[in-house]
């Protein structure tokens, strides 16, 4: 499975770690707009060391982290046969 986490803050890093721990074969990438070690505009603020620890743990598990990565448009798609559509069929119809 290919997993992309948009945002290298606590949630993105923790999600990437969780994905790799669930299945080390998953290809997990984090895309962060800031440089490594920057903590600007975080919705959840952690001490710098805690963020560095999460980043180091993610990398140690094989997560690829892309810094200084910006998008002009982010589209989230959900295929017709997706598990999300099946599980939430009543809510999505």
Protein backbone atom coordinates (compact mmCIF):
# COMPACT_ATOMS: atom_id res chain seq x y z
CA UNK A 1 0.00 0.00 0.00
CA UNK A 2 1.19 3.52 -0.76
CA UNK A 3 0.47 6.10 1.95
CA UNK A 4 0.98 9.87 1.67
CA UNK A 5 0.73 12.09 4.75
CA UNK A 6 0.36 15.77 3.98
CA UNK A 7 2.02 17.74 6.75
CA UNK A 8 5.05 16.86 8.83
CA UNK A 9 3.65 17.99 12.16
CA UNK A 10 2.80 15.67 15.04
CA UNK A 11 -0.31 14.21 13.33
CA UNK A 12 1.41 13.53 10.01
CA UNK A 13 4.47 12.00 11.62
CA UNK A 14 2.46 9.89 14.06
CA UNK A 15 0.20 8.68 11.23
CA UNK A 16 3.20 7.72 9.14
CA UNK A 17 4.75 5.84 12.06
CA UNK A 18 1.47 4.07 12.73
CA UNK A 19 1.14 3.00 9.08
CA UNK A 20 4.66 1.52 9.07
CA UNK A 21 4.13 -0.25 12.39
CA UNK A 22 0.91 -1.81 11.11
CA UNK A 23 2.66 -3.10 8.01
CA UNK A 24 6.37 -2.46 7.37
CA UNK A 25 5.80 -3.22 3.67
CA UNK A 26 3.69 -0.06 3.26
CA UNK A 27 5.46 2.67 1.27
CA UNK A 28 4.89 5.76 3.41
CA UNK A 29 5.84 9.32 2.51
CA UNK A 30 5.35 12.59 4.40
CA UNK A 31 5.19 15.87 2.50
CA UNK A 32 6.03 18.95 4.58
CA UNK A 33 6.14 22.55 3.37
CA UNK A 34 8.78 23.74 5.86
CA UNK A 35 12.44 22.87 6.13
CA UNK A 36 13.48 20.10 8.49
CA UNK A 37 13.37 21.34 12.08
CA UNK A 38 11.03 24.28 11.44
CA UNK A 39 7.87 24.34 13.52
CA UNK A 40 5.96 27.33 12.15
CA UNK A 41 2.16 27.45 12.00
CA UNK A 42 1.61 24.20 13.86
CA UNK A 43 -1.93 23.56 15.06
CA UNK A 44 -0.44 21.33 17.76
CA UNK A 45 2.77 22.63 19.27
CA UNK A 46 5.31 20.19 20.66
CA UNK A 47 8.77 20.92 21.99
CA UNK A 48 11.31 20.86 19.15
CA UNK A 49 12.95 17.75 20.59
CA UNK A 50 9.68 15.83 20.58
CA UNK A 51 9.10 16.69 16.91
CA UNK A 52 12.68 15.68 16.10
CA UNK A 53 12.14 12.37 17.93
CA UNK A 54 8.98 11.65 15.91
CA UNK A 55 10.79 12.51 12.68
CA UNK A 56 13.75 10.30 13.58
CA UNK A 57 11.47 7.39 14.50
CA UNK A 58 9.56 7.73 11.22
CA UNK A 59 12.79 7.74 9.21
CA UNK A 60 14.14 4.76 11.17
CA UNK A 61 11.03 2.82 10.14
CA UNK A 62 11.60 3.69 6.49
CA UNK A 63 9.23 6.63 6.09
CA UNK A 64 10.39 9.05 3.39
CA UNK A 65 10.04 12.69 4.48
CA UNK A 66 10.04 15.41 1.83
CA UNK A 67 10.74 18.89 3.21
CA UNK A 68 10.15 22.19 1.39
CA UNK A 69 7.36 20.56 -0.61
CA UNK A 70 4.44 22.69 -1.70
CA UNK A 71 1.26 21.85 -3.58
CA UNK A 72 -0.94 24.11 -5.65
CA UNK A 73 -3.87 21.75 -5.31
CA UNK A 74 -4.60 18.76 -3.08
CA UNK A 75 -7.31 16.38 -4.21
CA UNK A 76 -8.56 13.51 -2.12
CA UNK A 77 -10.31 10.85 -4.15
CA UNK A 78 -12.29 7.84 -3.14
CA UNK A 79 -12.67 5.10 -5.74
CA UNK A 80 -15.98 3.41 -6.39
CA UNK A 81 -14.82 0.11 -4.84
CA UNK A 82 -12.99 1.61 -1.86
CA UNK A 83 -13.26 0.30 1.68
CA UNK A 84 -14.28 3.77 2.89
CA UNK A 85 -17.21 3.82 0.48
CA UNK A 86 -18.26 0.32 1.57
CA UNK A 87 -18.01 0.97 5.32
CA UNK A 88 -19.81 4.33 5.12
CA UNK A 89 -22.27 3.48 2.33
CA UNK A 90 -25.30 4.86 4.17
CA UNK A 91 -23.60 8.19 4.88
CA UNK A 92 -22.25 8.58 1.34
CA UNK A 93 -25.42 7.78 -0.61
